[in-house]
Amino acid sequence: MTLSIIICSYNRASYISDALDSLYHQSAGLNAFEAIIVDNNSTDNTAEVFSQWRANHTQGSFTYLTESKQGASFARNTGAAIAKGEWLCFMDDDAVATPDYVKNIINHIENKPQVVGFGGRIIPKYIPAEPKWMSYYVSSLVGNFDYAPSACAFEKGKYPLESNMIVKKAIYEQIGGFNVNLPGVVGTLRIGGEGKELFYKILALGHTIYYDPSICVHHVVEVKKLTSEYMYRVASGIGRGEKTRTLGISKSAYFLKFIEYTLKLGVAIILAIKYILQATPAKAGPVIQFRIDALNGLMK
């Protein structure tokens, strides 16, 4: 089998059926992949929803299992461990794959035999609509990812996001999978950057990481949940993850990251002034707050 699609789920009973439907109706057909759903201690009725969905969608390979250790890195590693595919694709439980998603992944693999890792586009699906304070620079916190208009190699320091990335299983195993010290969400605490570290390890082996916008998912964003507390958890979680990752390298690496984050805060202030001058003041505050929160996480 070429492809294993791994979906880690935590309390997304309202949306996981849509994610599964999008895979079930892929143009490539159900024989082109297997899907592995890893329930990471959901307290809602995710298990029941999957059971009902599966009873009505009996074809293809859809495996459901649980992982009791909290955090996306644990869940992804658990899914990868039983995957039969030569390639691992990671997709979120509140994402919807476009109809040619699998076909375009396989095409990318076949057209670039040297590739070991790549990712695609993520389009936010705001419910009910994009808030007026949202900007390009803040939208990355809700999964917006549109790196380039056509397929290309990532520039140095750039990499796919975890919710739409594909890695060759042999390389994944060679680098030890996701670092569980960067687990993602654990309760109300977020320590992110697990995908970044994984791809940095692949780059360190001398490989090139690619981007293909035709490999596309739509990611649900409930606007009512975009509170200041939520945005703080996400932004500070990025900082916490970078603290863990850089300190794992050296104190000097951490210090350089601190300098980088401080400079980015300065740039955010300039961007905020630009938004005010462009008569879109609602976008100014969140841009600055993002960088403050990320720096806060880095320092904690």
Protein backbone atom coordinates (compact mmCIF):
# COMPACT_ATOMS: atom_id res chain seq x y z
CA MET A 1 0.00 0.00 0.00
CA THR A 2 1.27 3.47 -0.87
CA LEU A 3 -0.54 5.78 1.55
CA SER A 4 -1.76 5.76 5.15
CA ILE A 5 -3.79 8.79 6.24
CA ILE A 6 -3.64 9.37 9.99
CA ILE A 7 -6.27 11.52 11.71
CA CYS A 8 -5.73 12.27 15.40
CA SER A 9 -8.96 13.27 17.09
CA TYR A 10 -9.74 15.08 20.31
CA ASN A 11 -13.34 16.13 20.98
CA ARG A 12 -14.29 16.81 17.37
CA ALA A 13 -17.46 14.72 17.21
CA SER A 14 -19.20 17.58 15.40
CA TYR A 15 -16.74 17.58 12.50
CA ILE A 16 -15.03 14.22 12.16
CA SER A 17 -17.81 12.80 9.96
CA ASP A 18 -17.11 15.52 7.40
CA ALA A 19 -13.40 14.66 7.47
CA LEU A 20 -14.17 10.98 6.96
CA ASP A 21 -16.71 11.70 4.21
CA SER A 22 -14.11 13.70 2.31
CA LEU A 23 -11.79 10.69 2.32
CA TYR A 24 -14.50 8.19 1.52
CA HIS A 25 -15.37 10.02 -1.69
CA GLN A 26 -11.85 10.55 -3.03
CA SER A 27 -11.48 10.44 -6.80
CA ALA A 28 -8.55 8.02 -6.40
CA GLY A 29 -10.88 5.41 -4.94
CA LEU A 30 -10.88 3.61 -1.60
CA ASN A 31 -8.19 1.14 -2.61
CA ALA A 32 -5.62 3.91 -2.93
CA PHE A 33 -5.17 4.46 0.81
CA GLU A 34 -5.99 3.39 4.33
CA ALA A 35 -7.28 5.75 7.03
CA ILE A 36 -6.30 5.45 10.70
CA ILE A 37 -8.27 7.44 13.27
CA VAL A 38 -6.59 7.80 16.66
CA ASP A 39 -8.89 8.94 19.48
CA ASN A 40 -6.71 10.87 21.93
CA ASN A 41 -8.85 10.71 25.10
CA SER A 42 -11.93 12.41 23.67
CA THR A 43 -14.59 13.10 26.31
CA ASP A 44 -17.38 13.72 23.80
CA ASN A 45 -19.12 11.09 21.65
CA THR A 46 -16.40 10.82 19.00
CA ALA A 47 -16.30 7.03 19.32
CA GLU A 48 -20.05 6.75 18.84
CA VAL A 49 -20.01 9.09 15.86
CA PHE A 50 -17.28 7.04 14.18
CA SER A 51 -19.13 3.80 14.88
CA GLN A 52 -22.31 5.14 13.29
CA TRP A 53 -20.41 6.58 10.36
CA ARG A 54 -18.60 3.31 9.73
CA ALA A 55 -21.85 1.36 9.84
CA ASN A 56 -23.06 3.46 6.92
CA HIS A 57 -19.72 3.47 5.05
CA THR A 58 -18.56 -0.13 4.98
CA GLN A 59 -16.03 -0.06 2.14
CA GLY A 60 -12.35 0.82 2.31
CA SER A 61 -9.93 0.55 5.21
CA PHE A 62 -10.84 2.77 8.16
CA THR A 63 -9.27 1.76 11.47
CA TYR A 64 -10.21 3.30 14.82
CA LEU A 65 -7.98 3.06 17.88
CA THR A 66 -7.21 5.02 21.04
CA GLU A 67 -4.10 6.58 22.58
CA SER A 68 -4.32 7.41 26.29
CA LYS A 69 -1.19 9.60 26.45
CA GLN A 70 -2.44 13.09 25.79
CA GLY A 71 -0.96 15.07 22.93
CA ALA A 72 -0.97 14.96 19.15
CA SER A 73 2.61 13.70 18.98
CA PHE A 74 1.71 10.61 21.00
CA ALA A 75 -1.40 10.01 18.89
CA ARG A 76 0.36 10.49 15.57
CA ASN A 77 3.15 8.13 16.58
CA THR A 78 0.57 5.53 17.61
CA GLY A 79 -1.15 5.77 14.25
CA ALA A 80 2.13 5.62 12.36
CA ALA A 81 3.17 2.48 14.25
CA ILE A 82 0.36 0.41 12.72
CA ALA A 83 0.33 2.10 9.32
CA LYS A 84 0.81 -0.21 6.36
CA GLY A 85 1.58 2.48 3.81
CA GLU A 86 5.00 3.46 2.54
CA TRP A 87 3.92 7.06 3.10
CA LEU A 88 2.26 8.71 6.11
CA CYS A 89 -0.19 11.55 5.60
CA PHE A 90 -1.34 13.56 8.63
CA MET A 91 -4.69 15.34 8.47
CA ASP A 92 -6.72 17.07 11.18
CA ASP A 93 -10.04 15.81 12.49
CA ASP A 94 -11.76 19.07 11.56
CA ALA A 95 -10.33 19.25 8.05
CA VAL A 96 -12.04 18.38 4.78
CA ALA A 97 -9.90 17.02 1.96
CA THR A 98 -10.61 18.17 -1.58
CA PRO A 99 -11.85 15.41 -3.93
CA ASP A 100 -8.47 14.93 -5.64
CA TYR A 101 -6.46 15.07 -2.41
CA VAL A 102 -5.22 11.46 -2.49
CA LYS A 103 -4.75 11.46 -6.26
CA ASN A 104 -2.56 14.57 -6.06
CA ILE A 105 -0.51 13.13 -3.20
CA ILE A 106 0.20 9.99 -5.20
CA ASN A 107 0.99 12.06 -8.31
CA HIS A 108 3.50 14.09 -6.31
CA ILE A 109 5.17 10.91 -5.04
CA GLU A 110 5.38 9.43 -8.53
CA ASN A 111 6.62 12.63 -10.16
CA LYS A 112 9.35 13.21 -7.58
CA PRO A 113 10.89 9.83 -6.76
CA GLN A 114 13.60 11.52 -4.67
CA VAL A 115 11.11 13.18 -2.33
CA VAL A 116 10.81 12.08 1.32
CA GLY A 117 8.55 14.81 2.71
CA PHE A 118 6.09 17.40 1.46
CA GLY A 119 2.95 19.30 2.35
CA GLY A 120 0.06 21.19 0.85
CA ARG A 121 -2.33 24.07 1.16
CA ILE A 122 -4.69 24.68 4.08
CA ILE A 123 -7.69 26.97 3.57
CA PRO A 124 -9.53 28.18 6.69
CA LYS A 125 -13.28 27.59 6.62
CA TYR A 126 -14.54 30.28 8.97
CA ILE A 127 -17.87 29.60 10.64
CA PRO A 128 -19.86 31.74 10.12
CA ALA A 129 -17.41 34.21 8.50
CA GLU A 130 -13.87 35.52 8.76
CA PRO A 131 -13.66 38.07 11.61
CA LYS A 132 -12.77 41.63 10.64
CA TRP A 133 -9.71 41.57 12.90
CA MET A 134 -8.17 38.59 11.12
CA SER A 135 -5.09 39.30 9.01
CA TYR A 136 -2.69 37.21 6.95
CA TYR A 137 -0.11 37.36 9.77
CA VAL A 138 -2.52 36.12 12.44
CA SER A 139 -4.36 33.58 10.28
CA SER A 140 -1.49 31.12 10.59
CA LEU A 141 -2.68 30.57 14.17
CA VAL A 142 -5.89 29.07 12.79
CA GLY A 143 -4.13 26.95 10.18
CA ASN A 144 -4.09 29.19 7.14
CA PHE A 145 -1.25 28.03 4.90
CA ASP A 146 -0.72 29.08 1.28
CA TYR A 147 3.01 29.02 0.69
CA ALA A 148 3.19 29.42 -3.09
CA PRO A 149 0.88 29.44 -6.15
CA SER A 150 2.55 26.40 -7.71
CA ALA A 151 4.52 23.34 -6.63
CA CYS A 152 8.04 24.11 -5.43
CA ALA A 153 10.69 23.32 -2.86
CA PHE A 154 10.44 25.06 0.50
CA GLU A 155 13.04 27.72 1.16
CA LYS A 156 15.38 27.26 4.11
CA GLY A 157 13.52 27.56 7.39
CA LYS A 158 10.10 26.89 5.82
CA TYR A 159 8.11 23.69 6.20
CA PRO A 160 4.56 22.23 5.95
CA LEU A 161 2.01 22.51 8.75
CA GLU A 162 1.11 19.42 10.75
CA SER A 163 -2.51 19.32 9.55
CA ASN A 164 -1.53 18.64 5.93
CA MET A 165 1.85 16.98 5.63
CA ILE A 166 3.16 13.79 4.10
CA VAL A 167 6.32 11.92 5.08
CA LYS A 168 7.92 8.72 3.85
CA LYS A 169 7.51 6.18 6.62
CA ALA A 170 11.11 4.95 6.42
CA ILE A 171 12.39 8.49 7.07
CA TYR A 172 9.79 9.05 9.78
CA GLU A 173 11.03 5.98 11.59
CA GLN A 174 14.68 6.88 11.00
CA ILE A 175 14.28 10.20 12.84
CA GLY A 176 12.13 8.69 15.60
CA GLY A 177 8.76 10.15 14.61
CA PHE A 178 7.31 13.11 16.46
CA ASN A 179 9.12 14.37 19.55
CA VAL A 180 6.78 13.69 22.48
CA ASN A 181 8.43 16.53 24.40
CA LEU A 182 6.54 18.69 21.88
CA PRO A 183 3.15 17.01 22.39
CA GLY A 184 0.84 19.70 21.03
CA VAL A 185 -2.24 20.21 23.23
CA VAL A 186 -2.25 18.68 26.70
CA GLY A 187 -5.32 19.87 28.59
CA THR A 188 -5.25 23.67 28.47
CA LEU A 189 -1.48 23.76 27.86
CA ARG A 190 -0.06 23.84 24.37
CA ILE A 191 3.55 23.02 23.48
CA GLY A 192 3.72 23.16 19.70
CA GLY A 193 6.28 22.93 16.95
CA GLU A 194 6.35 19.16 16.60
CA GLY A 195 6.01 19.32 12.83
CA LYS A 196 8.71 21.96 12.54
CA GLU A 197 11.17 19.83 14.47
CA LEU A 198 10.33 16.74 12.43
CA PHE A 199 11.02 18.51 9.15
CA TYR A 200 14.15 20.17 10.51
CA LYS A 201 15.47 16.68 11.26
CA ILE A 202 14.68 15.61 7.70
CA LEU A 203 16.42 18.70 6.33
CA ALA A 204 19.44 17.94 8.50
CA LEU A 205 19.77 14.63 6.66
CA GLY A 206 20.23 16.58 3.43
CA HIS A 207 16.75 16.15 1.97
CA THR A 208 14.57 18.78 0.32
CA ILE A 209 10.99 19.41 1.48
CA TYR A 210 8.37 20.25 -1.11
CA TYR A 211 5.09 22.16 -1.30
CA ASP A 212 2.21 21.37 -3.62
CA PRO A 213 -0.92 23.58 -3.44
CA SER A 214 -3.00 20.99 -5.29
CA ILE A 215 -2.77 18.87 -2.13
CA CYS A 216 -5.41 20.87 -0.34
CA VAL A 217 -7.68 20.68 2.70
CA HIS A 218 -10.25 23.07 4.15
CA HIS A 219 -9.85 23.57 7.89
CA VAL A 220 -12.86 24.44 10.06
CA VAL A 221 -12.45 27.55 12.22
CA GLU A 222 -15.31 28.33 14.60
CA VAL A 223 -15.11 32.10 15.05
CA LYS A 224 -16.94 31.96 18.40
CA LYS A 225 -13.99 29.99 19.82
CA LEU A 226 -11.41 32.56 18.75
CA THR A 227 -11.32 34.22 22.16
CA SER A 228 -8.28 36.06 23.49
CA GLU A 229 -7.65 33.09 25.78
CA TYR A 230 -7.67 30.67 22.87
CA MET A 231 -5.38 32.82 20.74
CA TYR A 232 -3.02 33.17 23.70
CA ARG A 233 -2.84 29.38 24.13
CA VAL A 234 -1.99 28.89 20.47
CA ALA A 235 0.56 31.72 20.20
CA SER A 236 2.23 31.02 23.53
CA GLY A 237 2.28 27.34 22.64
CA ILE A 238 4.42 28.18 19.64
CA GLY A 239 6.83 29.97 21.95
CA ARG A 240 6.89 27.10 24.46
CA GLY A 241 7.63 24.67 21.67
CA GLU A 242 10.50 26.78 20.38
CA LYS A 243 11.91 27.02 23.90
CA THR A 244 11.89 23.24 24.21
CA ARG A 245 13.29 22.72 20.73
CA THR A 246 16.08 25.31 20.90
CA LEU A 247 17.20 24.45 24.43
CA GLY A 248 17.48 20.88 23.18
CA ILE A 249 20.12 22.20 20.79
CA SER A 250 21.97 24.70 22.98
CA LYS A 251 21.52 27.78 25.14
CA SER A 252 22.93 29.82 22.28
CA ALA A 253 20.17 28.56 19.98
CA TYR A 254 17.59 29.60 22.56
CA PHE A 255 19.16 33.06 22.90
CA LEU A 256 19.13 33.53 19.12
CA LYS A 257 15.46 32.55 19.07
CA PHE A 258 14.78 35.14 21.78
CA ILE A 259 16.45 37.80 19.64
CA GLU A 260 14.42 36.65 16.61
CA TYR A 261 11.12 36.85 18.53
CA THR A 262 12.01 40.30 19.86
CA LEU A 263 12.70 41.53 16.33
CA LYS A 264 9.43 40.01 15.13
CA LEU A 265 7.59 41.95 17.82
CA GLY A 266 9.15 45.11 16.43
CA VAL A 267 8.01 44.18 12.92
CA ALA A 268 4.50 43.49 14.28
CA ILE A 269 4.33 47.02 15.67
CA ILE A 270 5.24 48.40 12.25
CA LEU A 271 2.56 46.22 10.62
CA ALA A 272 0.01 47.44 13.15
CA ILE A 273 0.77 51.05 12.25
CA LYS A 274 0.36 50.12 8.58
CA TYR A 275 -3.07 48.62 9.26
CA ILE A 276 -4.14 51.76 11.10
CA LEU A 277 -3.02 53.95 8.21
CA GLN A 278 -4.92 51.65 5.81
CA ALA A 279 -8.12 52.24 7.82
CA THR A 280 -8.25 48.64 9.10
CA PRO A 281 -7.45 49.30 12.78
CA ALA A 282 -9.18 46.10 13.96
CA LYS A 283 -6.25 44.11 12.54
CA ALA A 284 -3.60 46.11 14.41
CA GLY A 285 -3.98 44.80 17.96
CA PRO A 286 -4.06 41.07 17.18
CA VAL A 287 -0.85 41.30 15.13
CA ILE A 288 1.03 42.78 18.10
CA GLN A 289 -0.65 40.47 20.61
CA PHE A 290 0.38 37.40 18.60
CA ARG A 291 4.06 38.31 18.90
CA ILE A 292 3.73 39.29 22.58
CA ASP A 293 2.07 35.96 23.40
CA ALA A 294 4.64 33.96 21.43
CA LEU A 295 7.48 35.78 23.20
CA ASN A 296 5.74 35.17 26.53
CA GLY A 297 5.64 31.43 25.82
CA LEU A 298 9.28 31.41 24.80
CA MET A 299 10.28 33.03 28.11
CA LYS A 300 8.20 30.77 30.37
